[in-house]
């Protein structure tokens, strides 16, 4: 299974939904909360091509995007393949 990193924020419903989907898929992930860390938020934005909203999800070296992007991949039948790399 690919390494998964999800940058999150406190009290973020989209972050919770993205984590819930990953857990349903049996995927383990590293969560980085950027709420009180400007350095981590800056790191996230740099890796995400300037995106500063949370969540920002990375599977392996692929920047998936946010929660809606993750669910779109799942609905298109592409998420399982990406998780299995």
C-alpha atoms as a PDB file:
ATOM      1  CA  UNK A   1       0.000   0.000   0.000  1.00  0.00           C
ATOM      2  CA  UNK A   2       1.178   3.510  -0.797  1.00  0.00           C
ATOM      3  CA  UNK A   3       2.245   6.003   1.842  1.00  0.00           C
ATOM      4  CA  UNK A   4      -0.618   8.389   2.508  1.00  0.00           C
ATOM      5  CA  UNK A   5      -0.316  11.820   4.069  1.00  0.00           C
ATOM      6  CA  UNK A   6      -3.296  14.006   4.863  1.00  0.00           C
ATOM      7  CA  UNK A   7      -2.882  17.589   6.009  1.00  0.00           C
ATOM      8  CA  UNK A   8      -5.820  18.548   8.219  1.00  0.00           C
ATOM      9  CA  UNK A   9      -7.234  21.327  10.349  1.00  0.00           C
ATOM     10  CA  UNK A  10      -9.033  21.319  13.661  1.00  0.00           C
ATOM     11  CA  UNK A  11     -12.828  20.981  13.470  1.00  0.00           C
ATOM     12  CA  UNK A  12     -12.731  20.431   9.706  1.00  0.00           C
ATOM     13  CA  UNK A  13     -15.698  18.364   8.516  1.00  0.00           C
ATOM     14  CA  UNK A  14     -14.109  17.719   5.130  1.00  0.00           C
ATOM     15  CA  UNK A  15     -10.982  16.422   6.866  1.00  0.00           C
ATOM     16  CA  UNK A  16     -13.101  14.049   8.960  1.00  0.00           C
ATOM     17  CA  UNK A  17     -14.937  12.794   5.863  1.00  0.00           C
ATOM     18  CA  UNK A  18     -11.683  12.170   3.981  1.00  0.00           C
ATOM     19  CA  UNK A  19     -10.174  10.295   6.925  1.00  0.00           C
ATOM     20  CA  UNK A  20     -13.369   8.250   7.296  1.00  0.00           C
ATOM     21  CA  UNK A  21     -13.207   7.134   3.639  1.00  0.00           C
ATOM     22  CA  UNK A  22      -9.545   6.186   3.939  1.00  0.00           C
ATOM     23  CA  UNK A  23     -10.287   4.187   7.096  1.00  0.00           C
ATOM     24  CA  UNK A  24     -13.190   2.416   5.342  1.00  0.00           C
ATOM     25  CA  UNK A  25     -10.707   1.417   2.649  1.00  0.00           C
ATOM     26  CA  UNK A  26      -8.372   0.011   5.306  1.00  0.00           C
ATOM     27  CA  UNK A  27      -5.720   2.586   4.447  1.00  0.00           C
ATOM     28  CA  UNK A  28      -3.296   3.768   7.082  1.00  0.00           C
ATOM     29  CA  UNK A  29      -2.220   7.378   6.815  1.00  0.00           C
ATOM     30  CA  UNK A  30      -0.093  10.023   8.447  1.00  0.00           C
ATOM     31  CA  UNK A  31      -2.097  13.023   9.601  1.00  0.00           C
ATOM     32  CA  UNK A  32      -0.455  16.422   9.894  1.00  0.00           C
ATOM     33  CA  UNK A  33      -2.603  19.035  11.645  1.00  0.00           C
ATOM     34  CA  UNK A  34      -1.687  22.479  10.333  1.00  0.00           C
ATOM     35  CA  UNK A  35      -4.071  24.440  12.575  1.00  0.00           C
ATOM     36  CA  UNK A  36      -1.429  25.968  14.829  1.00  0.00           C
ATOM     37  CA  UNK A  37       1.642  25.413  12.649  1.00  0.00           C
ATOM     38  CA  UNK A  38       2.369  28.061  10.024  1.00  0.00           C
ATOM     39  CA  UNK A  39       5.471  26.106   9.013  1.00  0.00           C
ATOM     40  CA  UNK A  40       3.468  22.929   8.318  1.00  0.00           C
ATOM     41  CA  UNK A  41       0.768  24.925   6.483  1.00  0.00           C
ATOM     42  CA  UNK A  42       3.479  26.501   4.340  1.00  0.00           C
ATOM     43  CA  UNK A  43       4.980  23.066   3.657  1.00  0.00           C
ATOM     44  CA  UNK A  44       1.535  21.771   2.682  1.00  0.00           C
ATOM     45  CA  UNK A  45       0.893  24.697   0.329  1.00  0.00           C
ATOM     46  CA  UNK A  46       4.266  24.254  -1.337  1.00  0.00           C
ATOM     47  CA  UNK A  47       3.671  20.528  -1.905  1.00  0.00           C
ATOM     48  CA  UNK A  48       0.093  21.157  -3.061  1.00  0.00           C
ATOM     49  CA  UNK A  49       0.966  23.725  -5.706  1.00  0.00           C
ATOM     50  CA  UNK A  50      -0.205  26.686  -3.658  1.00  0.00           C
ATOM     51  CA  UNK A  51      -3.394  25.140  -2.260  1.00  0.00           C
ATOM     52  CA  UNK A  52      -3.878  26.327   1.315  1.00  0.00           C
ATOM     53  CA  UNK A  53      -7.241  24.766   2.193  1.00  0.00           C
ATOM     54  CA  UNK A  54      -7.535  21.554   4.162  1.00  0.00           C
ATOM     55  CA  UNK A  55      -7.541  18.705   3.708  1.00  0.00           C
ATOM     56  CA  UNK A  56      -4.758  18.210   1.230  1.00  0.00           C
ATOM     57  CA  UNK A  57      -4.213  14.531   0.501  1.00  0.00           C
ATOM     58  CA  UNK A  58      -1.158  12.834  -0.936  1.00  0.00           C
ATOM     59  CA  UNK A  59      -1.034   9.163  -1.909  1.00  0.00           C
ATOM     60  CA  UNK A  60       2.514   8.186  -2.656  1.00  0.00           C
ATOM     61  CA  UNK A  61       3.877  11.014  -4.774  1.00  0.00           C
ATOM     62  CA  UNK A  62       0.433  11.851  -6.163  1.00  0.00           C
ATOM     63  CA  UNK A  63      -1.299  14.983  -4.909  1.00  0.00           C
ATOM     64  CA  UNK A  64      -4.953  13.926  -4.822  1.00  0.00           C
ATOM     65  CA  UNK A  65      -6.280  17.284  -3.685  1.00  0.00           C
ATOM     66  CA  UNK A  66      -9.072  17.711  -1.162  1.00  0.00           C
ATOM     67  CA  UNK A  67     -11.971  15.685   0.168  1.00  0.00           C
ATOM     68  CA  UNK A  68     -14.157  16.103  -2.915  1.00  0.00           C
ATOM     69  CA  UNK A  69     -11.275  14.966  -5.119  1.00  0.00           C
ATOM     70  CA  UNK A  70     -10.755  11.875  -2.960  1.00  0.00           C
ATOM     71  CA  UNK A  71     -14.441  10.934  -3.165  1.00  0.00           C
ATOM     72  CA  UNK A  72     -14.462  11.583  -6.927  1.00  0.00           C
ATOM     73  CA  UNK A  73     -11.567   9.159  -7.347  1.00  0.00           C
ATOM     74  CA  UNK A  74     -13.482   6.573  -5.350  1.00  0.00           C
ATOM     75  CA  UNK A  75     -16.676   7.068  -7.376  1.00  0.00           C
ATOM     76  CA  UNK A  76     -14.678   6.742 -10.599  1.00  0.00           C
ATOM     77  CA  UNK A  77     -13.245   3.430  -9.349  1.00  0.00           C
ATOM     78  CA  UNK A  78      -9.686   4.765  -9.312  1.00  0.00           C
ATOM     79  CA  UNK A  79      -9.009   5.151  -5.582  1.00  0.00           C
ATOM     80  CA  UNK A  80      -8.462   1.470  -4.806  1.00  0.00           C
ATOM     81  CA  UNK A  81      -5.823   1.218  -7.520  1.00  0.00           C
ATOM     82  CA  UNK A  82      -4.050   4.305  -6.261  1.00  0.00           C
ATOM     83  CA  UNK A  83      -4.084   2.986  -2.697  1.00  0.00           C
ATOM     84  CA  UNK A  84      -2.657  -0.332  -3.831  1.00  0.00           C
ATOM     85  CA  UNK A  85       0.437   1.055  -5.537  1.00  0.00           C
END
